[in-house]
């Protein structure tokens, strides 16, 4: 029974966070561009989807993952987190990468133009999410060198993650090229679920614990 629940959870995770975004992308009526641009778009969509999965591969989701060995779940959380944080950190540079193979403005010029429009709301949200993601990655990577206690680091990680998911989701929804209705609803539902899960863990649980300590 325990193994069956684990398999169901794994199938559900693959279906929701990998298969569904690929299916919506494949069936969507989007204007198709060069193979390189479409490949970058698909990788970015999957990287964002897998980043959302990180919120469910954590202790915050313990009731659902109770049949799984938490140490293994956290190991996957870390490994996938480092991979997809790296991909998303490259996102601004991947946008201009196709310029190396196309006529027109140079990649450097395209990148500078991108930066010159940073005051636009969608881009500003993207920059905010990028900086938050960088801080989350660095504080996770150098946690022991920062000499933070596990509890302090976990609280910082949780609060930064909540801020990240808000900024990143709004950026994706406002500027994503492949945000048709099904893709938008998928990411809205996953983002809201992740936020509720984290807020329940970091806000409501903390308040409850403080109240209990005062009793």
Foldseek 3Di string as FASTA:
>chain_A
DLVVLVVVVVVVLCCQLPVVVVVLLVPPPADDDDPLVVVLLSLLSSLVSVLLVLLCLAVLVCVSCVSPDNVVSVVCSLVSLVVSLVSLLCSLLSVLVCQVVDPDDHSVVVSVVLVVPCPDLLNVLSVLLNVLSVVLNVCVVCVVVVVDDPVVSVLSNLVSVLSNLVSVLSSCCVDPSSPDPVSNVSSVVSSVVSNVSSCVVNPVVVVVVVVVVVD
